[in-house]
C-alpha cells in the first residue's frame, strides 16, 4: 500500500530529526504518531474529494436530464412536421 510506505518514511524522517534532542526511543514514538496523523489526513482528504465529486456528478446528471426532457420533445415535433411536409410534397407530384 503506497500510503503505508509514505507514512513509514515520514515516521523515519521525523524520528531521525528528533533523535538528537529527544532520544532514540522517544523520537521513534513521535515519528510513528506523526506518520499516523498524516495517514489519517490523507484518508480524510480522499473521502472528502470523493463526496464532493459525487455531488458535482449528480448535479451535472440532473441538469443534463432536465435539458434532454425539454429539448427532446421539440425535436420529435420538428421531425413529425418535416415528415408531413414531405408527404404533402409527394402528394402534389
N, C-alpha and C. Protein backbone atom coordinates (compact mmCIF):
# COMPACT_ATOMS: atom_id res chain seq x y z
N UNK A 1 0.85 -1.18 0.00
CA UNK A 1 0.00 0.00 0.00
C UNK A 1 0.89 1.24 0.00
N UNK A 2 0.76 2.11 -1.00
CA UNK A 2 1.66 3.26 -1.09
C UNK A 2 1.57 4.22 0.09
N UNK A 3 0.38 4.46 0.63
CA UNK A 3 0.27 5.41 1.74
C UNK A 3 0.99 4.89 2.98
N UNK A 4 0.99 3.58 3.17
CA UNK A 4 1.70 2.99 4.31
C UNK A 4 3.21 3.20 4.17
N UNK A 5 3.70 3.01 2.95
CA UNK A 5 5.12 3.21 2.69
C UNK A 5 5.52 4.67 2.96
N UNK A 6 4.71 5.59 2.45
CA UNK A 6 5.00 7.01 2.65
C UNK A 6 4.94 7.35 4.14
N UNK A 7 3.95 6.81 4.84
CA UNK A 7 3.83 7.07 6.27
C UNK A 7 5.06 6.55 7.02
N UNK A 8 5.54 5.39 6.64
CA UNK A 8 6.73 4.84 7.30
C UNK A 8 7.93 5.75 7.05
N UNK A 9 8.07 6.23 5.83
CA UNK A 9 9.21 7.11 5.51
C UNK A 9 9.09 8.44 6.27
N UNK A 10 7.86 8.98 6.37
CA UNK A 10 7.67 10.20 7.14
C UNK A 10 8.03 9.95 8.60
N UNK A 11 7.57 8.84 9.14
CA UNK A 11 7.88 8.50 10.53
C UNK A 11 9.37 8.36 10.76
N UNK A 12 10.07 7.71 9.82
CA UNK A 12 11.51 7.55 9.95
C UNK A 12 12.23 8.91 9.88
N UNK A 13 11.76 9.77 8.99
CA UNK A 13 12.38 11.09 8.85
C UNK A 13 12.18 11.94 10.11
N UNK A 14 10.96 11.92 10.63
CA UNK A 14 10.68 12.69 11.85
C UNK A 14 11.51 12.14 13.00
N UNK A 15 11.56 10.83 13.10
CA UNK A 15 12.34 10.22 14.19
C UNK A 15 13.82 10.55 14.06
N UNK A 16 14.33 10.54 12.84
CA UNK A 16 15.76 10.85 12.65
C UNK A 16 16.06 12.30 13.01
N UNK A 17 15.14 13.21 12.70
CA UNK A 17 15.35 14.62 13.01
C UNK A 17 15.23 14.89 14.51
N UNK A 18 14.36 14.17 15.18
CA UNK A 18 14.10 14.42 16.60
C UNK A 18 15.04 13.63 17.52
N UNK A 19 15.69 12.61 17.01
CA UNK A 19 16.52 11.74 17.86
C UNK A 19 17.59 12.47 18.64
N UNK A 20 18.32 13.41 18.06
CA UNK A 20 19.37 14.07 18.86
C UNK A 20 18.81 14.85 20.05
N UNK A 21 17.59 15.35 19.93
CA UNK A 21 17.03 16.18 21.00
C UNK A 21 16.24 15.37 22.02
N UNK A 22 15.54 14.34 21.56
CA UNK A 22 14.63 13.60 22.44
C UNK A 22 15.16 12.24 22.89
N UNK A 23 16.06 11.68 22.15
CA UNK A 23 16.49 10.32 22.42
C UNK A 23 15.85 9.39 21.40
N UNK A 24 16.48 8.28 21.15
CA UNK A 24 16.06 7.39 20.07
C UNK A 24 14.65 6.83 20.28
N UNK A 25 14.35 6.33 21.49
CA UNK A 25 13.05 5.68 21.73
C UNK A 25 11.91 6.69 21.64
N UNK A 26 12.05 7.83 22.25
CA UNK A 26 11.00 8.84 22.24
C UNK A 26 10.83 9.41 20.82
N UNK A 27 11.91 9.56 20.10
CA UNK A 27 11.84 10.07 18.73
C UNK A 27 11.11 9.07 17.82
N UNK A 28 11.36 7.79 18.04
CA UNK A 28 10.69 6.76 17.24
C UNK A 28 9.19 6.80 17.49
N UNK A 29 8.80 6.97 18.72
CA UNK A 29 7.38 7.08 19.07
C UNK A 29 6.75 8.31 18.43
N UNK A 30 7.47 9.43 18.47
CA UNK A 30 6.98 10.66 17.86
C UNK A 30 6.83 10.49 16.35
N UNK A 31 7.77 9.83 15.72
CA UNK A 31 7.71 9.59 14.28
C UNK A 31 6.49 8.77 13.90
N UNK A 32 6.19 7.74 14.69
CA UNK A 32 5.02 6.91 14.41
C UNK A 32 3.73 7.70 14.57
N UNK A 33 3.69 8.57 15.58
CA UNK A 33 2.49 9.40 15.78
C UNK A 33 2.29 10.35 14.61
N UNK A 34 3.36 10.97 14.17
CA UNK A 34 3.27 11.91 13.05
C UNK A 34 2.85 11.18 11.77
N UNK A 35 3.38 10.00 11.57
CA UNK A 35 3.03 9.22 10.39
C UNK A 35 1.54 8.85 10.41
N UNK A 36 1.04 8.45 11.56
CA UNK A 36 -0.37 8.09 11.67
C UNK A 36 -1.27 9.31 11.43
N UNK A 37 -0.85 10.45 11.94
CA UNK A 37 -1.61 11.69 11.71
C UNK A 37 -1.67 12.01 10.23
N UNK A 38 -0.55 11.83 9.54
CA UNK A 38 -0.53 12.10 8.10
C UNK A 38 -1.43 11.13 7.34
N UNK A 39 -1.37 9.85 7.68
CA UNK A 39 -2.21 8.85 7.01
C UNK A 39 -3.69 9.16 7.23
N UNK A 40 -4.04 9.54 8.44
CA UNK A 40 -5.44 9.89 8.72
C UNK A 40 -5.88 11.10 7.89
N UNK A 41 -5.02 12.09 7.77
CA UNK A 41 -5.35 13.28 6.98
C UNK A 41 -5.52 12.93 5.51
N UNK A 42 -4.66 12.07 5.00
CA UNK A 42 -4.75 11.66 3.59
C UNK A 42 -6.05 10.91 3.34
N UNK A 43 -6.39 10.00 4.22
CA UNK A 43 -7.64 9.24 4.06
C UNK A 43 -8.86 10.16 4.12
N UNK A 44 -8.85 11.11 5.03
CA UNK A 44 -9.97 12.04 5.15
C UNK A 44 -10.09 12.93 3.91
N UNK A 45 -8.94 13.38 3.40
CA UNK A 45 -8.95 14.21 2.20
C UNK A 45 -9.50 13.44 1.00
N UNK A 46 -9.13 12.18 0.89
CA UNK A 46 -9.63 11.36 -0.22
C UNK A 46 -11.14 11.16 -0.10
N UNK A 47 -11.61 10.85 1.10
CA UNK A 47 -13.05 10.65 1.30
C UNK A 47 -13.83 11.93 0.99
N UNK A 48 -13.31 13.07 1.41
CA UNK A 48 -13.98 14.35 1.11
C UNK A 48 -14.01 14.62 -0.39
N UNK A 49 -12.91 14.33 -1.07
CA UNK A 49 -12.86 14.56 -2.52
C UNK A 49 -13.86 13.66 -3.25
N UNK A 50 -13.98 12.42 -2.82
CA UNK A 50 -14.96 11.52 -3.44
C UNK A 50 -16.37 12.03 -3.21
N UNK A 51 -16.66 12.51 -2.02
CA UNK A 51 -18.00 13.03 -1.73
C UNK A 51 -18.32 14.26 -2.58
N UNK A 52 -17.38 15.18 -2.68
CA UNK A 52 -17.62 16.39 -3.49
C UNK A 52 -17.77 16.05 -4.96
N UNK A 53 -16.96 15.14 -5.44
CA UNK A 53 -17.05 14.73 -6.84
C UNK A 53 -18.39 14.07 -7.13
N UNK A 54 -18.89 13.30 -6.20
CA UNK A 54 -20.19 12.65 -6.38
C UNK A 54 -21.31 13.69 -6.45
N UNK A 55 -21.23 14.71 -5.63
CA UNK A 55 -22.25 15.77 -5.65
C UNK A 55 -22.21 16.51 -6.98
N UNK A 56 -21.03 16.86 -7.44
CA UNK A 56 -20.90 17.56 -8.72
C UNK A 56 -21.42 16.67 -9.85
N UNK A 57 -21.09 15.41 -9.83
CA UNK A 57 -21.58 14.49 -10.85
C UNK A 57 -23.10 14.38 -10.85
N UNK A 58 -23.69 14.35 -9.67
CA UNK A 58 -25.15 14.28 -9.56
C UNK A 58 -25.81 15.54 -10.12
N UNK A 59 -25.22 16.69 -9.86
CA UNK A 59 -25.77 17.95 -10.38
C UNK A 59 -25.69 17.96 -11.91
N UNK A 60 -24.55 17.57 -12.45
CA UNK A 60 -24.39 17.53 -13.91
C UNK A 60 -25.40 16.56 -14.52
N UNK A 61 -25.57 15.41 -13.91
CA UNK A 61 -26.53 14.43 -14.41
C UNK A 61 -27.95 14.99 -14.36
N UNK A 62 -28.30 15.66 -13.29
CA UNK A 62 -29.64 16.25 -13.16
C UNK A 62 -29.89 17.33 -14.20
N UNK A 63 -28.92 18.21 -14.40
CA UNK A 63 -29.07 19.28 -15.40
C UNK A 63 -29.19 18.67 -16.80
N UNK A 64 -28.39 17.67 -17.08
CA UNK A 64 -28.47 17.00 -18.39
C UNK A 64 -29.82 16.35 -18.60
N UNK A 65 -30.37 15.74 -17.58
CA UNK A 65 -31.68 15.10 -17.68
C UNK A 65 -32.77 16.13 -17.96
N UNK A 66 -32.72 17.25 -17.26
CA UNK A 66 -33.72 18.30 -17.48
C UNK A 66 -33.61 18.87 -18.89
N UNK A 67 -32.38 19.10 -19.36
CA UNK A 67 -32.20 19.61 -20.71
C UNK A 67 -32.75 18.63 -21.75
N UNK A 68 -32.48 17.37 -21.58
CA UNK A 68 -32.99 16.37 -22.53
C UNK A 68 -34.51 16.33 -22.48
N UNK A 69 -35.07 16.44 -21.28
CA UNK A 69 -36.53 16.39 -21.15
C UNK A 69 -37.19 17.56 -21.88
N UNK A 70 -36.57 18.73 -21.89
CA UNK A 70 -37.14 19.88 -22.58
C UNK A 70 -36.82 19.89 -24.07
N UNK A 71 -35.64 19.44 -24.45
CA UNK A 71 -35.23 19.53 -25.85
C UNK A 71 -35.71 18.35 -26.69
N UNK A 72 -35.83 17.18 -26.12
CA UNK A 72 -36.22 16.01 -26.89
C UNK A 72 -37.62 16.13 -27.48
N UNK A 73 -38.63 16.55 -26.73
CA UNK A 73 -39.96 16.67 -27.35
C UNK A 73 -39.98 17.67 -28.50
N UNK A 74 -39.23 18.74 -28.46
CA UNK A 74 -39.18 19.72 -29.54
C UNK A 74 -38.62 19.08 -30.81
N UNK A 75 -37.60 18.27 -30.65
CA UNK A 75 -37.00 17.59 -31.81
C UNK A 75 -37.97 16.62 -32.44
N UNK A 76 -38.78 15.92 -31.65
CA UNK A 76 -39.75 14.97 -32.18
C UNK A 76 -40.82 15.71 -32.97
N UNK A 77 -41.27 16.84 -32.49
CA UNK A 77 -42.29 17.62 -33.18
C UNK A 77 -41.78 18.12 -34.52
N UNK A 78 -40.54 18.53 -34.59
CA UNK A 78 -39.96 19.00 -35.84
C UNK A 78 -39.86 17.86 -36.84
N UNK A 79 -39.50 16.70 -36.36
CA UNK A 79 -39.38 15.55 -37.25
C UNK A 79 -40.75 15.17 -37.82
N UNK A 80 -41.79 15.22 -37.00
CA UNK A 80 -43.13 14.89 -37.47
C UNK A 80 -43.61 15.92 -38.49
N UNK A 81 -43.40 17.19 -38.22
CA UNK A 81 -43.84 18.23 -39.16
C UNK A 81 -43.04 18.14 -40.45
N UNK A 82 -41.77 17.77 -40.35
CA UNK A 82 -40.94 17.60 -41.54
C UNK A 82 -41.46 16.43 -42.38
N UNK A 83 -41.85 15.35 -41.71
CA UNK A 83 -42.39 14.19 -42.43
C UNK A 83 -43.71 14.54 -43.10
N UNK A 84 -44.55 15.33 -42.45
CA UNK A 84 -45.83 15.75 -43.05
C UNK A 84 -45.59 16.63 -44.26
N UNK A 85 -44.60 17.52 -44.18
CA UNK A 85 -44.27 18.39 -45.31
C UNK A 85 -43.82 17.57 -46.51
N UNK A 86 -42.98 16.58 -46.26
CA UNK A 86 -42.52 15.71 -47.34
C UNK A 86 -43.69 14.95 -47.96
N UNK A 87 -44.60 14.50 -47.13
CA UNK A 87 -45.75 13.74 -47.61
C UNK A 87 -46.65 14.64 -48.47
N UNK A 88 -46.84 15.89 -48.08
CA UNK A 88 -47.66 16.83 -48.86
C UNK A 88 -47.00 17.12 -50.20
N UNK A 89 -45.69 17.22 -50.23
CA UNK A 89 -44.98 17.46 -51.49
C UNK A 89 -45.15 16.27 -52.43
N UNK A 90 -45.05 15.08 -51.88
CA UNK A 90 -45.20 13.88 -52.70
C UNK A 90 -46.62 13.73 -53.23
N UNK A 91 -47.60 14.14 -52.47
CA UNK A 91 -48.98 14.05 -52.91
C UNK A 91 -49.24 15.01 -54.08
N UNK A 92 -48.58 16.13 -54.11
CA UNK A 92 -48.75 17.10 -55.18
C UNK A 92 -48.14 16.59 -56.48
N UNK A 93 -47.14 15.77 -56.40
CA UNK A 93 -46.46 15.29 -57.59
C UNK A 93 -47.24 14.20 -58.18
